[in-house]
Amino acid sequence: MVRRLPAGETFPALLSNLADNRRGLQLHFPASPPDILAGALVEVVSDSAIYLGEIRSSTESTVAVAVEHILDRAVLGEIERVWRRAEV
């Protein structure tokens, strides 16, 4: 899933790395890609991570994202569990 920040609509997308680089993602859209221009900030959510980055380029069905931050969802889950224990 991908959405424009700060509060854009969510769109389904297939995700792959650009040239085996964790700092670049390629998004493939099953339907036509959302109208997100180069320079737009986006959040990309996968099963294992949340990526925050900037749109670099797009074609008819793909978008390239330069990733600025990667949040490991397993680590975020552990932090959330600690917070919940502290609230009790």
Protein backbone atom coordinates (compact mmCIF):
# COMPACT_ATOMS: atom_id res chain seq x y z
CA MET A 1 0.00 0.00 0.00
CA VAL A 2 1.17 3.51 -0.74
CA ARG A 3 -0.19 6.89 0.26
CA ARG A 4 0.87 10.46 -0.18
CA LEU A 5 1.86 12.22 3.03
CA PRO A 6 0.60 13.75 5.19
CA ALA A 7 -2.93 12.39 4.78
CA GLY A 8 -3.46 11.13 1.25
CA GLU A 9 -5.62 8.33 -0.07
CA THR A 10 -4.22 4.77 0.12
CA PHE A 11 -3.54 2.80 -3.11
CA PRO A 12 -2.61 -0.88 -3.52
CA ALA A 13 0.81 -1.48 -5.08
CA LEU A 14 3.30 -4.30 -5.59
CA LEU A 15 6.69 -3.51 -4.13
CA SER A 16 10.21 -4.37 -5.27
CA ASN A 17 13.69 -3.04 -4.51
CA LEU A 18 15.51 -0.92 -7.06
CA ALA A 19 18.80 -2.58 -8.07
CA ASP A 20 19.10 -4.48 -4.76
CA ASN A 21 19.16 -1.15 -2.95
CA ARG A 22 17.25 -0.77 0.32
CA ARG A 23 17.13 2.99 -0.29
CA GLY A 24 15.11 2.70 -3.48
CA LEU A 25 11.76 1.07 -4.21
CA GLN A 26 9.82 0.37 -7.36
CA LEU A 27 6.04 0.37 -7.02
CA HIS A 28 3.92 -1.46 -9.59
CA PHE A 29 0.23 -0.55 -9.72
CA PRO A 30 -2.35 -3.12 -10.86
CA ALA A 31 -4.57 -0.26 -12.07
CA SER A 32 -3.29 3.10 -13.27
CA PRO A 33 -0.97 4.73 -10.71
CA PRO A 34 -2.29 7.51 -8.50
CA ASP A 35 -1.64 11.07 -9.60
CA ILE A 36 1.48 11.60 -7.47
CA LEU A 37 4.14 13.84 -8.98
CA ALA A 38 7.92 13.63 -8.57
CA GLY A 39 8.94 15.25 -5.31
CA ALA A 40 5.84 14.12 -3.40
CA LEU A 41 6.41 12.51 0.00
CA VAL A 42 4.93 9.04 0.44
CA GLU A 43 4.49 6.22 2.94
CA VAL A 44 4.84 2.67 1.59
CA VAL A 45 3.62 -0.16 3.84
CA SER A 46 4.68 -3.78 3.37
CA ASP A 47 4.31 -6.84 5.61
CA SER A 48 7.80 -6.35 7.03
CA ALA A 49 8.44 -2.59 6.97
CA ILE A 50 7.11 0.92 6.62
CA TYR A 51 9.10 3.05 4.17
CA LEU A 52 9.02 6.85 4.11
CA GLY A 53 10.38 8.53 1.02
CA GLU A 54 10.03 10.76 -2.00
CA ILE A 55 8.71 10.01 -5.49
CA ARG A 56 11.61 10.28 -7.96
CA SER A 57 9.95 9.28 -11.23
CA SER A 58 6.93 7.51 -12.68
CA THR A 59 5.72 5.78 -15.82
CA GLU A 60 2.27 4.53 -16.82
CA SER A 61 2.30 1.66 -14.31
CA THR A 62 5.32 2.15 -12.01
CA VAL A 63 6.71 4.71 -9.59
CA ALA A 64 10.30 4.95 -8.26
CA VAL A 65 10.66 6.01 -4.63
CA ALA A 66 13.85 7.24 -2.93
CA VAL A 67 13.59 5.88 0.63
CA GLU A 68 14.60 8.18 3.47
CA HIS A 69 13.51 6.08 6.47
CA ILE A 70 12.78 2.38 7.02
CA LEU A 71 10.79 1.24 10.04
CA ASP A 72 10.95 -2.50 10.79
CA ARG A 73 7.43 -3.58 11.71
CA ALA A 74 8.65 -6.38 14.03
CA VAL A 75 10.67 -3.85 16.04
CA LEU A 76 7.72 -1.46 16.10
CA GLY A 77 5.57 -4.30 17.44
CA GLU A 78 8.02 -4.90 20.29
CA ILE A 79 8.05 -1.20 21.17
CA GLU A 80 4.25 -1.18 21.17
CA ARG A 81 4.18 -4.16 23.57
CA VAL A 82 6.55 -2.36 25.96
CA TRP A 83 4.38 0.76 25.86
CA ARG A 84 1.26 -1.26 26.60
CA ARG A 85 2.92 -2.93 29.61
CA ALA A 86 4.00 0.50 30.92
CA GLU A 87 0.38 1.76 30.73
CA VAL A 88 -0.93 -1.00 33.01
